[in-house]
Amino acid sequence: MNRRLQTVLVVGTAVTAVIALAMPAALAQCLFSASHEKTHSTGISARRHLARHHHRRRLARTNLARGAQRRRVTPTTRPTTKPTTTTPPVLVNDPTPIVIPPAPGAGSSSAKPPAGGYFATLPPGSALPSEAACAARVHRSSWEPRPENTTANHTAPTNPAALANFSQWNSTWNSTYKPRITGNFQGTTDEIIQWAACKWGWSDEVIRAEAVDESSWRQSTAGDGGNSFGLLQIKWNYHPAGPAKGAAGSSWPNSAKSTAYAVDQQVAEMRGCYDGMSTYLGNTKGDLWGCLQSWFSGAWTPGGGAYANTVKGFLNSKPWLGW
């Protein structure tokens, strides 16, 4: 009995010792396993989080790149319209408009007019520029071969609107051309010639040449026994016929006192002839030299005659360039 009890006690003690020795190791293993499990789980979680972070960064970079790409897309360029400078034409309906070089400022030159002049004769029926537009297109120069014209060159006509109707020109001329005869310009003799040429679509060279024959460019000239006056010799009792000399409707004394008026009226009549507005001469349209001849003779000579040929001679020789 005592021996069995002793044996049991010895075995129990040994088991206890073994258990005591084994428990710390098992506990440590358990703790290690738990710790390792937690660490492994944490590591996986961290790696997954990091992976998601990198994925979000990649998405952000992709979106940024797409945004940059959208920003790099060149917007549609709006068409640029270049500003256009249109210079209003001198003549509205003229198929061959006057070629007018820029006019220098007043008094900036003492040059004579160039051979060939500044203004060309316009075709019959052309629209005509205004006198104001033509005043701006005059080539100003202090050149004055006839200083004795100075007073007349700066004298305004008296009531030019009262000029009577002309029997030699039709109603269109009397209603549209006659009211344009104003003499509303002042300058040198040649500047006045330019202004009238521009205003009536007439050659300034032809006016210069005709003025040589009629008055040698002297406004004070009185011809035909004291009946014709001015640079181009307007005969008071025919242009227009009817009013007494100096009476209301007469071209005199304006034709004698005002150079601009005298040239304005004569070239207006020549333009009427050239546009075919005569009431008795026949088919005058487009015949410049025939019209000039009629100014001298009062009759119609197609293509002109001796008077027109004299004017042609002066047109070719241009004596004014030697004055």
C-alpha atoms as a PDB file:
ATOM      1  CA  MET A   1       0.000   0.000   0.000  1.00  0.00           C
ATOM      2  CA  ASN A   2       2.608   2.390   0.989  1.00  0.00           C
ATOM      3  CA  ARG A   3       4.699   1.307  -1.951  1.00  0.00           C
ATOM      4  CA  ARG A   4       1.783   1.859  -4.431  1.00  0.00           C
ATOM      5  CA  LEU A   5       1.028   5.238  -2.930  1.00  0.00           C
ATOM      6  CA  GLN A   6       4.672   6.131  -3.253  1.00  0.00           C
ATOM      7  CA  THR A   7       4.672   5.100  -6.903  1.00  0.00           C
ATOM      8  CA  VAL A   8       1.545   7.158  -7.664  1.00  0.00           C
ATOM      9  CA  LEU A   9       3.049  10.177  -6.027  1.00  0.00           C
ATOM     10  CA  VAL A  10       6.256   9.797  -8.007  1.00  0.00           C
ATOM     11  CA  VAL A  11       4.352   9.469 -11.320  1.00  0.00           C
ATOM     12  CA  GLY A  12       2.079  12.425 -10.531  1.00  0.00           C
ATOM     13  CA  THR A  13       5.070  14.556  -9.684  1.00  0.00           C
ATOM     14  CA  ALA A  14       6.751  13.628 -12.938  1.00  0.00           C
ATOM     15  CA  VAL A  15       3.629  14.375 -14.973  1.00  0.00           C
ATOM     16  CA  THR A  16       3.286  17.678 -13.234  1.00  0.00           C
ATOM     17  CA  ALA A  17       6.896  18.478 -13.984  1.00  0.00           C
ATOM     18  CA  VAL A  18       6.453  17.529 -17.612  1.00  0.00           C
ATOM     19  CA  ILE A  19       3.324  19.620 -17.892  1.00  0.00           C
ATOM     20  CA  ALA A  20       5.050  22.498 -16.174  1.00  0.00           C
ATOM     21  CA  LEU A  21       7.894  22.255 -18.607  1.00  0.00           C
ATOM     22  CA  ALA A  22       5.669  21.830 -21.674  1.00  0.00           C
ATOM     23  CA  MET A  23       3.163  24.615 -20.979  1.00  0.00           C
ATOM     24  CA  PRO A  24       5.500  27.594 -21.410  1.00  0.00           C
ATOM     25  CA  ALA A  25       6.718  26.227 -24.751  1.00  0.00           C
ATOM     26  CA  ALA A  26       3.161  25.584 -25.924  1.00  0.00           C
ATOM     27  CA  LEU A  27       2.089  28.996 -24.687  1.00  0.00           C
ATOM     28  CA  ALA A  28       5.034  30.595 -26.431  1.00  0.00           C
ATOM     29  CA  GLN A  29       4.242  28.689 -29.615  1.00  0.00           C
ATOM     30  CA  CYS A  30       0.645  29.750 -29.327  1.00  0.00           C
ATOM     31  CA  LEU A  31       1.597  33.324 -28.701  1.00  0.00           C
ATOM     32  CA  PHE A  32       4.075  33.216 -31.568  1.00  0.00           C
ATOM     33  CA  SER A  33       1.470  31.758 -33.865  1.00  0.00           C
ATOM     34  CA  ALA A  34      -1.078  34.360 -32.874  1.00  0.00           C
ATOM     35  CA  SER A  35       1.468  37.109 -33.246  1.00  0.00           C
ATOM     36  CA  HIS A  36       2.609  35.751 -36.580  1.00  0.00           C
ATOM     37  CA  GLU A  37      -0.994  35.393 -37.734  1.00  0.00           C
ATOM     38  CA  LYS A  38      -1.731  38.961 -36.727  1.00  0.00           C
ATOM     39  CA  THR A  39       1.447  40.229 -38.295  1.00  0.00           C
ATOM     40  CA  HIS A  40       0.795  38.258 -41.472  1.00  0.00           C
ATOM     41  CA  SER A  41      -2.790  39.527 -41.556  1.00  0.00           C
ATOM     42  CA  THR A  42      -1.639  43.075 -40.900  1.00  0.00           C
ATOM     43  CA  GLY A  43       0.992  42.777 -43.604  1.00  0.00           C
ATOM     44  CA  ILE A  44      -1.542  41.519 -46.116  1.00  0.00           C
ATOM     45  CA  SER A  45      -3.897  44.308 -45.150  1.00  0.00           C
ATOM     46  CA  ALA A  46      -1.101  46.875 -45.415  1.00  0.00           C
ATOM     47  CA  ARG A  47      -0.026  45.501 -48.773  1.00  0.00           C
ATOM     48  CA  ARG A  48      -3.625  45.581 -50.004  1.00  0.00           C
ATOM     49  CA  HIS A  49      -3.990  49.173 -48.754  1.00  0.00           C
ATOM     50  CA  LEU A  50      -0.726  50.124 -50.397  1.00  0.00           C
ATOM     51  CA  ALA A  51      -1.818  48.445 -53.585  1.00  0.00           C
ATOM     52  CA  ARG A  52      -5.098  50.349 -53.518  1.00  0.00           C
ATOM     53  CA  HIS A  53      -3.159  53.583 -52.846  1.00  0.00           C
ATOM     54  CA  HIS A  54      -0.896  52.930 -55.819  1.00  0.00           C
ATOM     55  CA  HIS A  55      -3.927  52.097 -57.932  1.00  0.00           C
ATOM     56  CA  ARG A  56      -5.551  55.386 -56.940  1.00  0.00           C
ATOM     57  CA  ARG A  57      -2.307  57.208 -57.758  1.00  0.00           C
ATOM     58  CA  ARG A  58      -2.191  55.480 -61.135  1.00  0.00           C
ATOM     59  CA  LEU A  59      -5.820  56.500 -61.721  1.00  0.00           C
ATOM     60  CA  ALA A  60      -5.003  60.057 -60.655  1.00  0.00           C
ATOM     61  CA  ARG A  61      -2.034  60.144 -63.041  1.00  0.00           C
ATOM     62  CA  THR A  62      -4.206  58.720 -65.815  1.00  0.00           C
ATOM     63  CA  ASN A  63      -6.918  61.305 -65.173  1.00  0.00           C
ATOM     64  CA  LEU A  64      -4.294  64.037 -64.980  1.00  0.00           C
ATOM     65  CA  ALA A  65      -2.816  62.873 -68.266  1.00  0.00           C
ATOM     66  CA  ARG A  66      -6.264  62.821 -69.829  1.00  0.00           C
ATOM     67  CA  GLY A  67      -6.937  66.289 -68.472  1.00  0.00           C
ATOM     68  CA  ALA A  68      -3.616  67.498 -69.835  1.00  0.00           C
ATOM     69  CA  GLN A  69      -4.415  65.863 -73.140  1.00  0.00           C
ATOM     70  CA  ARG A  70      -7.740  67.667 -73.202  1.00  0.00           C
ATOM     71  CA  ARG A  71      -5.962  70.902 -72.368  1.00  0.00           C
ATOM     72  CA  ARG A  72      -3.465  70.275 -75.160  1.00  0.00           C
ATOM     73  CA  VAL A  73      -6.243  69.981 -77.731  1.00  0.00           C
ATOM     74  CA  THR A  74      -5.950  73.106 -79.842  1.00  0.00           C
ATOM     75  CA  PRO A  75      -9.207  75.008 -79.846  1.00  0.00           C
ATOM     76  CA  THR A  76     -10.766  75.775 -83.199  1.00  0.00           C
ATOM     77  CA  THR A  77      -9.230  78.951 -84.492  1.00  0.00           C
ATOM     78  CA  ARG A  78     -11.782  81.571 -85.307  1.00  0.00           C
ATOM     79  CA  PRO A  79     -11.326  82.932 -88.790  1.00  0.00           C
ATOM     80  CA  THR A  80      -9.728  86.331 -88.709  1.00  0.00           C
ATOM     81  CA  THR A  81     -11.216  88.840 -91.044  1.00  0.00           C
ATOM     82  CA  LYS A  82      -8.691  91.310 -92.270  1.00  0.00           C
ATOM     83  CA  PRO A  83      -9.960  94.853 -92.121  1.00  0.00           C
ATOM     84  CA  THR A  84     -10.693  96.218 -95.569  1.00  0.00           C
ATOM     85  CA  THR A  85     -10.183  99.739 -96.492  1.00  0.00           C
ATOM     86  CA  THR A  86     -12.405 100.814 -99.087  1.00  0.00           C
ATOM     87  CA  THR A  87     -11.951 103.966-100.649  1.00  0.00           C
ATOM     88  CA  PRO A  88     -15.324 105.218-101.940  1.00  0.00           C
ATOM     89  CA  PRO A  89     -15.057 105.556-105.829  1.00  0.00           C
ATOM     90  CA  VAL A  90     -14.991 109.007-107.321  1.00  0.00           C
ATOM     91  CA  LEU A  91     -17.738 108.020-109.739  1.00  0.00           C
ATOM     92  CA  VAL A  92     -20.542 105.637-108.909  1.00  0.00           C
ATOM     93  CA  ASN A  93     -21.436 104.396-112.381  1.00  0.00           C
ATOM     94  CA  ASP A  94     -18.281 105.156-114.302  1.00  0.00           C
ATOM     95  CA  PRO A  95     -16.750 102.042-115.907  1.00  0.00           C
ATOM     96  CA  THR A  96     -13.435 103.862-116.267  1.00  0.00           C
ATOM     97  CA  PRO A  97     -13.105 106.013-113.116  1.00  0.00           C
ATOM     98  CA  ILE A  98     -10.758 108.944-112.884  1.00  0.00           C
ATOM     99  CA  VAL A  99      -7.288 107.967-111.771  1.00  0.00           C
ATOM    100  CA  ILE A 100      -6.423 110.625-109.211  1.00  0.00           C
ATOM    101  CA  PRO A 101      -2.999 110.651-107.547  1.00  0.00           C
ATOM    102  CA  PRO A 102      -2.988 111.967-103.966  1.00  0.00           C
ATOM    103  CA  ALA A 103      -3.102 115.739-103.999  1.00  0.00           C
ATOM    104  CA  PRO A 104      -0.386 117.560-102.050  1.00  0.00           C
ATOM    105  CA  GLY A 105      -1.388 120.039 -99.375  1.00  0.00           C
ATOM    106  CA  ALA A 106      -2.127 123.656-100.204  1.00  0.00           C
ATOM    107  CA  GLY A 107       0.956 125.682-100.960  1.00  0.00           C
ATOM    108  CA  SER A 108       3.253 122.677-100.597  1.00  0.00           C
ATOM    109  CA  SER A 109       4.423 122.824-104.228  1.00  0.00           C
ATOM    110  CA  SER A 110       5.230 125.297-106.949  1.00  0.00           C
ATOM    111  CA  ALA A 111       5.107 122.667-109.679  1.00  0.00           C
ATOM    112  CA  LYS A 112       3.426 123.102-113.025  1.00  0.00           C
ATOM    113  CA  PRO A 113       0.841 120.493-114.025  1.00  0.00           C
ATOM    114  CA  PRO A 114       2.401 117.393-115.571  1.00  0.00           C
ATOM    115  CA  ALA A 115       2.111 116.745-119.281  1.00  0.00           C
ATOM    116  CA  GLY A 116      -1.049 114.687-119.589  1.00  0.00           C
ATOM    117  CA  GLY A 117      -2.783 116.443-116.715  1.00  0.00           C
ATOM    118  CA  TYR A 118      -4.670 114.907-113.815  1.00  0.00           C
ATOM    119  CA  PHE A 119      -8.201 114.178-115.060  1.00  0.00           C
ATOM    120  CA  ALA A 120      -9.500 112.250-118.048  1.00  0.00           C
ATOM    121  CA  THR A 121     -12.727 112.855-119.950  1.00  0.00           C
ATOM    122  CA  LEU A 122     -15.328 110.377-118.725  1.00  0.00           C
ATOM    123  CA  PRO A 123     -17.653 108.455-121.062  1.00  0.00           C
ATOM    124  CA  PRO A 124     -21.053 109.970-121.888  1.00  0.00           C
ATOM    125  CA  GLY A 125     -23.616 109.406-119.145  1.00  0.00           C
ATOM    126  CA  SER A 126     -21.062 108.886-116.371  1.00  0.00           C
ATOM    127  CA  ALA A 127     -22.021 109.817-112.827  1.00  0.00           C
ATOM    128  CA  LEU A 128     -20.192 112.961-111.843  1.00  0.00           C
ATOM    129  CA  PRO A 129     -18.368 113.665-108.572  1.00  0.00           C
ATOM    130  CA  SER A 130     -19.409 116.484-106.280  1.00  0.00           C
ATOM    131  CA  GLU A 131     -17.659 119.825-106.315  1.00  0.00           C
ATOM    132  CA  ALA A 132     -16.574 119.270-102.700  1.00  0.00           C
ATOM    133  CA  ALA A 133     -14.948 115.953-103.599  1.00  0.00           C
ATOM    134  CA  CYS A 134     -13.176 117.620-106.504  1.00  0.00           C
ATOM    135  CA  ALA A 135     -11.979 120.511-104.348  1.00  0.00           C
ATOM    136  CA  ALA A 136     -10.210 117.921-102.197  1.00  0.00           C
ATOM    137  CA  ARG A 137      -8.630 116.339-105.271  1.00  0.00           C
ATOM    138  CA  VAL A 138      -7.130 119.478-106.719  1.00  0.00           C
ATOM    139  CA  HIS A 139      -3.332 119.314-106.836  1.00  0.00           C
ATOM    140  CA  ARG A 140      -2.409 122.449-105.007  1.00  0.00           C
ATOM    141  CA  SER A 141       0.505 124.513-106.265  1.00  0.00           C
ATOM    142  CA  SER A 142       1.566 128.112-105.898  1.00  0.00           C
ATOM    143  CA  TRP A 143       2.391 128.190-109.624  1.00  0.00           C
ATOM    144  CA  GLU A 144       0.454 131.064-111.183  1.00  0.00           C
ATOM    145  CA  PRO A 145       1.409 132.143-114.730  1.00  0.00           C
ATOM    146  CA  ARG A 146      -1.312 134.833-114.657  1.00  0.00           C
ATOM    147  CA  PRO A 147      -1.040 136.705-111.351  1.00  0.00           C
ATOM    148  CA  GLU A 148      -3.394 139.341-112.771  1.00  0.00           C
ATOM    149  CA  ASN A 149      -6.171 136.763-112.333  1.00  0.00           C
ATOM    150  CA  THR A 150      -5.744 136.711-108.551  1.00  0.00           C
ATOM    151  CA  THR A 151      -8.724 138.914-107.723  1.00  0.00           C
ATOM    152  CA  ALA A 152     -11.091 137.095-110.087  1.00  0.00           C
ATOM    153  CA  ASN A 153      -9.736 133.754-108.879  1.00  0.00           C
ATOM    154  CA  HIS A 154     -10.881 134.629-105.368  1.00  0.00           C
ATOM    155  CA  THR A 155     -14.196 136.280-106.210  1.00  0.00           C
ATOM    156  CA  ALA A 156     -17.381 134.345-105.518  1.00  0.00           C
ATOM    157  CA  PRO A 157     -20.192 134.756-108.075  1.00  0.00           C
ATOM    158  CA  THR A 158     -23.415 136.527-107.168  1.00  0.00           C
ATOM    159  CA  ASN A 159     -26.514 134.343-106.976  1.00  0.00           C
ATOM    160  CA  PRO A 160     -25.498 131.751-109.603  1.00  0.00           C
ATOM    161  CA  ALA A 161     -28.689 129.789-108.897  1.00  0.00           C
ATOM    162  CA  ALA A 162     -30.669 132.573-110.671  1.00  0.00           C
ATOM    163  CA  LEU A 163     -29.136 131.643-114.041  1.00  0.00           C
ATOM    164  CA  ALA A 164     -31.920 131.325-116.625  1.00  0.00           C
ATOM    165  CA  ASN A 165     -32.653 128.156-118.596  1.00  0.00           C
ATOM    166  CA  PHE A 166     -30.763 127.530-121.827  1.00  0.00           C
ATOM    167  CA  SER A 167     -32.706 126.917-125.033  1.00  0.00           C
ATOM    168  CA  GLN A 168     -29.796 125.028-126.631  1.00  0.00           C
ATOM    169  CA  TRP A 169     -29.859 122.353-123.906  1.00  0.00           C
ATOM    170  CA  ASN A 170     -32.684 120.017-123.045  1.00  0.00           C
ATOM    171  CA  SER A 171     -34.750 119.870-119.883  1.00  0.00           C
ATOM    172  CA  THR A 172     -32.457 117.245-118.315  1.00  0.00           C
ATOM    173  CA  TRP A 173     -29.492 119.570-118.636  1.00  0.00           C
ATOM    174  CA  ASN A 174     -31.480 122.532-117.292  1.00  0.00           C
ATOM    175  CA  SER A 175     -32.782 120.549-114.328  1.00  0.00           C
ATOM    176  CA  THR A 176     -29.666 118.586-113.390  1.00  0.00           C
ATOM    177  CA  TYR A 177     -26.562 120.264-114.826  1.00  0.00           C
ATOM    178  CA  LYS A 178     -27.454 123.949-114.618  1.00  0.00           C
ATOM    179  CA  PRO A 179     -28.056 123.872-110.824  1.00  0.00           C
ATOM    180  CA  ARG A 180     -24.515 122.472-110.410  1.00  0.00           C
ATOM    181  CA  ILE A 181     -22.998 125.645-111.889  1.00  0.00           C
ATOM    182  CA  THR A 182     -21.896 127.438-108.725  1.00  0.00           C
ATOM    183  CA  GLY A 183     -18.368 128.771-109.207  1.00  0.00           C
ATOM    184  CA  ASN A 184     -17.826 127.651-105.631  1.00  0.00           C
ATOM    185  CA  PHE A 185     -14.036 127.405-105.612  1.00  0.00           C
ATOM    186  CA  GLN A 186     -11.020 129.634-105.089  1.00  0.00           C
ATOM    187  CA  GLY A 187      -7.393 129.040-106.006  1.00  0.00           C
ATOM    188  CA  THR A 188      -4.828 129.656-108.703  1.00  0.00           C
ATOM    189  CA  THR A 189      -5.881 129.673-112.353  1.00  0.00           C
ATOM    190  CA  ASP A 190      -4.703 126.106-112.858  1.00  0.00           C
ATOM    191  CA  GLU A 191      -6.337 124.893-109.650  1.00  0.00           C
ATOM    192  CA  ILE A 192      -9.653 126.286-110.900  1.00  0.00           C
ATOM    193  CA  ILE A 193      -9.165 124.451-114.204  1.00  0.00           C
ATOM    194  CA  GLN A 194      -8.526 121.202-112.302  1.00  0.00           C
ATOM    195  CA  TRP A 195     -11.589 121.647-110.098  1.00  0.00           C
ATOM    196  CA  ALA A 196     -13.931 122.211-113.057  1.00  0.00           C
ATOM    197  CA  ALA A 197     -12.400 119.301-114.998  1.00  0.00           C
ATOM    198  CA  CYS A 198     -12.932 116.917-112.088  1.00  0.00           C
ATOM    199  CA  LYS A 199     -16.446 118.189-111.402  1.00  0.00           C
ATOM    200  CA  TRP A 200     -17.644 117.716-114.980  1.00  0.00           C
ATOM    201  CA  GLY A 201     -15.652 114.617-115.921  1.00  0.00           C
ATOM    202  CA  TRP A 202     -13.636 116.616-118.464  1.00  0.00           C
ATOM    203  CA  SER A 203      -9.975 116.646-119.402  1.00  0.00           C
ATOM    204  CA  ASP A 204      -8.053 119.362-117.593  1.00  0.00           C
ATOM    205  CA  GLU A 205      -5.549 119.341-120.483  1.00  0.00           C
ATOM    206  CA  VAL A 206      -8.329 120.156-122.982  1.00  0.00           C
ATOM    207  CA  ILE A 207      -9.467 123.077-120.802  1.00  0.00           C
ATOM    208  CA  ARG A 208      -5.895 124.399-120.570  1.00  0.00           C
ATOM    209  CA  ALA A 209      -5.503 124.179-124.348  1.00  0.00           C
ATOM    210  CA  GLU A 210      -8.867 125.837-125.096  1.00  0.00           C
ATOM    211  CA  ALA A 211      -8.117 128.621-122.599  1.00  0.00           C
ATOM    212  CA  VAL A 212      -4.882 129.363-124.484  1.00  0.00           C
ATOM    213  CA  ASP A 213      -6.861 129.972-127.678  1.00  0.00           C
ATOM    214  CA  GLU A 214      -9.725 131.864-126.056  1.00  0.00           C
ATOM    215  CA  SER A 215      -7.904 134.213-123.661  1.00  0.00           C
ATOM    216  CA  SER A 216      -4.300 133.115-123.203  1.00  0.00           C
ATOM    217  CA  TRP A 217      -5.477 132.299-119.644  1.00  0.00           C
ATOM    218  CA  ARG A 218      -6.422 135.910-118.878  1.00  0.00           C
ATOM    219  CA  GLN A 219      -9.765 136.126-117.093  1.00  0.00           C
ATOM    220  CA  SER A 220     -10.126 139.842-117.896  1.00  0.00           C
ATOM    221  CA  THR A 221     -10.310 139.190-121.672  1.00  0.00           C
ATOM    222  CA  ALA A 222     -13.400 140.657-123.341  1.00  0.00           C
ATOM    223  CA  GLY A 223     -13.906 139.452-126.921  1.00  0.00           C
ATOM    224  CA  ASP A 224     -16.491 139.527-129.695  1.00  0.00           C
ATOM    225  CA  GLY A 225     -16.939 143.275-129.434  1.00  0.00           C
ATOM    226  CA  GLY A 226     -17.308 143.215-125.637  1.00  0.00           C
ATOM    227  CA  ASN A 227     -19.873 140.385-125.620  1.00  0.00           C
ATOM    228  CA  SER A 228     -17.722 137.438-124.521  1.00  0.00           C
ATOM    229  CA  PHE A 229     -15.997 137.226-121.157  1.00  0.00           C
ATOM    230  CA  GLY A 230     -13.662 135.186-119.056  1.00  0.00           C
ATOM    231  CA  LEU A 231     -11.064 132.497-119.449  1.00  0.00           C
ATOM    232  CA  LEU A 232     -13.185 130.564-121.993  1.00  0.00           C
ATOM    233  CA  GLN A 233     -15.132 133.512-123.464  1.00  0.00           C
ATOM    234  CA  ILE A 234     -18.790 133.074-122.535  1.00  0.00           C
ATOM    235  CA  LYS A 235     -20.964 135.159-124.892  1.00  0.00           C
ATOM    236  CA  TRP A 236     -23.540 136.677-122.587  1.00  0.00           C
ATOM    237  CA  ASN A 237     -26.350 137.034-125.210  1.00  0.00           C
ATOM    238  CA  TYR A 238     -26.298 133.336-126.145  1.00  0.00           C
ATOM    239  CA  HIS A 239     -25.351 131.644-122.887  1.00  0.00           C
ATOM    240  CA  PRO A 240     -28.162 131.824-122.060  1.00  0.00           C
ATOM    241  CA  ALA A 241     -30.179 133.680-124.674  1.00  0.00           C
ATOM    242  CA  GLY A 242     -32.987 135.884-123.411  1.00  0.00           C
ATOM    243  CA  PRO A 243     -32.031 137.901-120.342  1.00  0.00           C
ATOM    244  CA  ALA A 244     -30.588 141.349-120.904  1.00  0.00           C
ATOM    245  CA  LYS A 245     -26.957 141.839-120.014  1.00  0.00           C
ATOM    246  CA  GLY A 246     -26.673 142.036-116.243  1.00  0.00           C
ATOM    247  CA  ALA A 247     -30.371 141.291-115.709  1.00  0.00           C
ATOM    248  CA  ALA A 248     -31.605 138.441-113.533  1.00  0.00           C
ATOM    249  CA  GLY A 249     -30.743 135.147-115.214  1.00  0.00           C
ATOM    250  CA  SER A 250     -27.805 136.553-117.211  1.00  0.00           C
ATOM    251  CA  SER A 251     -24.370 134.937-117.034  1.00  0.00           C
ATOM    252  CA  TRP A 252     -22.797 138.416-116.908  1.00  0.00           C
ATOM    253  CA  PRO A 253     -21.235 139.855-114.736  1.00  0.00           C
ATOM    254  CA  ASN A 254     -20.347 136.562-113.023  1.00  0.00           C
ATOM    255  CA  SER A 255     -18.640 135.303-116.183  1.00  0.00           C
ATOM    256  CA  ALA A 256     -16.344 138.346-116.114  1.00  0.00           C
ATOM    257  CA  LYS A 257     -15.734 138.753-112.384  1.00  0.00           C
ATOM    258  CA  SER A 258     -15.300 135.151-111.225  1.00  0.00           C
ATOM    259  CA  THR A 259     -12.824 132.787-112.887  1.00  0.00           C
ATOM    260  CA  ALA A 260     -14.320 129.748-111.168  1.00  0.00           C
ATOM    261  CA  TYR A 261     -17.816 130.652-112.365  1.00  0.00           C
ATOM    262  CA  ALA A 262     -16.676 131.264-115.965  1.00  0.00           C
ATOM    263  CA  VAL A 263     -14.890 127.900-116.240  1.00  0.00           C
ATOM    264  CA  ASP A 264     -17.672 126.070-114.368  1.00  0.00           C
ATOM    265  CA  GLN A 265     -20.384 127.271-116.776  1.00  0.00           C
ATOM    266  CA  GLN A 266     -18.471 126.660-120.009  1.00  0.00           C
ATOM    267  CA  VAL A 267     -17.404 123.118-119.068  1.00  0.00           C
ATOM    268  CA  ALA A 268     -20.968 122.334-117.900  1.00  0.00           C
ATOM    269  CA  GLU A 269     -22.170 123.218-121.406  1.00  0.00           C
ATOM    270  CA  MET A 270     -19.454 121.126-123.050  1.00  0.00           C
ATOM    271  CA  ARG A 271     -20.431 118.199-120.852  1.00  0.00           C
ATOM    272  CA  GLY A 272     -24.057 118.607-121.888  1.00  0.00           C
ATOM    273  CA  CYS A 273     -23.060 118.495-125.534  1.00  0.00           C
ATOM    274  CA  TYR A 274     -20.842 115.436-124.970  1.00  0.00           C
ATOM    275  CA  ASP A 275     -23.696 113.653-123.149  1.00  0.00           C
ATOM    276  CA  GLY A 276     -26.037 114.303-126.105  1.00  0.00           C
ATOM    277  CA  MET A 277     -28.274 116.931-124.464  1.00  0.00           C
ATOM    278  CA  SER A 278     -28.369 119.464-127.311  1.00  0.00           C
ATOM    279  CA  THR A 279     -31.801 120.535-128.574  1.00  0.00           C
ATOM    280  CA  TYR A 280     -30.672 121.428-132.115  1.00  0.00           C
ATOM    281  CA  LEU A 281     -27.153 120.228-132.980  1.00  0.00           C
ATOM    282  CA  GLY A 282     -28.087 116.607-133.667  1.00  0.00           C
ATOM    283  CA  ASN A 283     -26.198 113.546-132.466  1.00  0.00           C
ATOM    284  CA  THR A 284     -23.419 115.085-130.413  1.00  0.00           C
ATOM    285  CA  LYS A 285     -22.968 112.250-127.907  1.00  0.00           C
ATOM    286  CA  GLY A 286     -19.351 111.293-127.362  1.00  0.00           C
ATOM    287  CA  ASP A 287     -17.927 113.748-129.947  1.00  0.00           C
ATOM    288  CA  LEU A 288     -15.600 115.932-127.891  1.00  0.00           C
ATOM    289  CA  TRP A 289     -14.029 117.803-130.805  1.00  0.00           C
ATOM    290  CA  GLY A 290     -17.365 118.371-132.482  1.00  0.00           C
ATOM    291  CA  CYS A 291     -18.627 119.878-129.215  1.00  0.00           C
ATOM    292  CA  LEU A 292     -15.635 122.193-128.922  1.00  0.00           C
ATOM    293  CA  GLN A 293     -16.141 123.318-132.526  1.00  0.00           C
ATOM    294  CA  SER A 294     -19.776 124.152-131.771  1.00  0.00           C
ATOM    295  CA  TRP A 295     -18.639 126.440-128.927  1.00  0.00           C
ATOM    296  CA  PHE A 296     -16.943 128.590-131.556  1.00  0.00           C
ATOM    297  CA  SER A 297     -19.397 128.321-134.447  1.00  0.00           C
ATOM    298  CA  GLY A 298     -22.753 127.516-132.895  1.00  0.00           C
ATOM    299  CA  ALA A 299     -23.167 124.841-135.588  1.00  0.00           C
ATOM    300  CA  TRP A 300     -22.443 121.139-135.697  1.00  0.00           C
ATOM    301  CA  THR A 301     -19.321 119.818-137.394  1.00  0.00           C
ATOM    302  CA  PRO A 302     -18.795 116.152-136.542  1.00  0.00           C
ATOM    303  CA  GLY A 303     -15.227 115.561-135.405  1.00  0.00           C
ATOM    304  CA  GLY A 304     -14.560 119.299-135.207  1.00  0.00           C
ATOM    305  CA  GLY A 305     -13.182 121.902-137.591  1.00  0.00           C
ATOM    306  CA  ALA A 306     -10.571 124.654-137.722  1.00  0.00           C
ATOM    307  CA  TYR A 307     -11.226 125.906-134.184  1.00  0.00           C
ATOM    308  CA  ALA A 308     -11.039 122.390-132.722  1.00  0.00           C
ATOM    309  CA  ASN A 309      -7.834 121.764-134.649  1.00  0.00           C
ATOM    310  CA  THR A 310      -6.289 124.912-133.151  1.00  0.00           C
ATOM    311  CA  VAL A 311      -7.154 123.650-129.673  1.00  0.00           C
ATOM    312  CA  LYS A 312      -5.619 120.272-130.566  1.00  0.00           C
ATOM    313  CA  GLY A 313      -2.425 122.066-131.566  1.00  0.00           C
ATOM    314  CA  PHE A 314      -2.189 123.764-128.173  1.00  0.00           C
ATOM    315  CA  LEU A 315      -3.013 120.462-126.501  1.00  0.00           C
ATOM    316  CA  ASN A 316       0.024 118.933-128.197  1.00  0.00           C
ATOM    317  CA  SER A 317       2.442 121.847-127.705  1.00  0.00           C
ATOM    318  CA  LYS A 318       1.323 122.719-124.132  1.00  0.00           C
ATOM    319  CA  PRO A 319       2.592 126.318-124.133  1.00  0.00           C
ATOM    320  CA  TRP A 320       1.628 126.786-120.468  1.00  0.00           C
ATOM    321  CA  LEU A 321       4.536 124.559-119.463  1.00  0.00           C
ATOM    322  CA  GLY A 322       6.861 127.249-120.813  1.00  0.00           C
ATOM    323  CA  TRP A 323       5.217 130.125-118.938  1.00  0.00           C
END
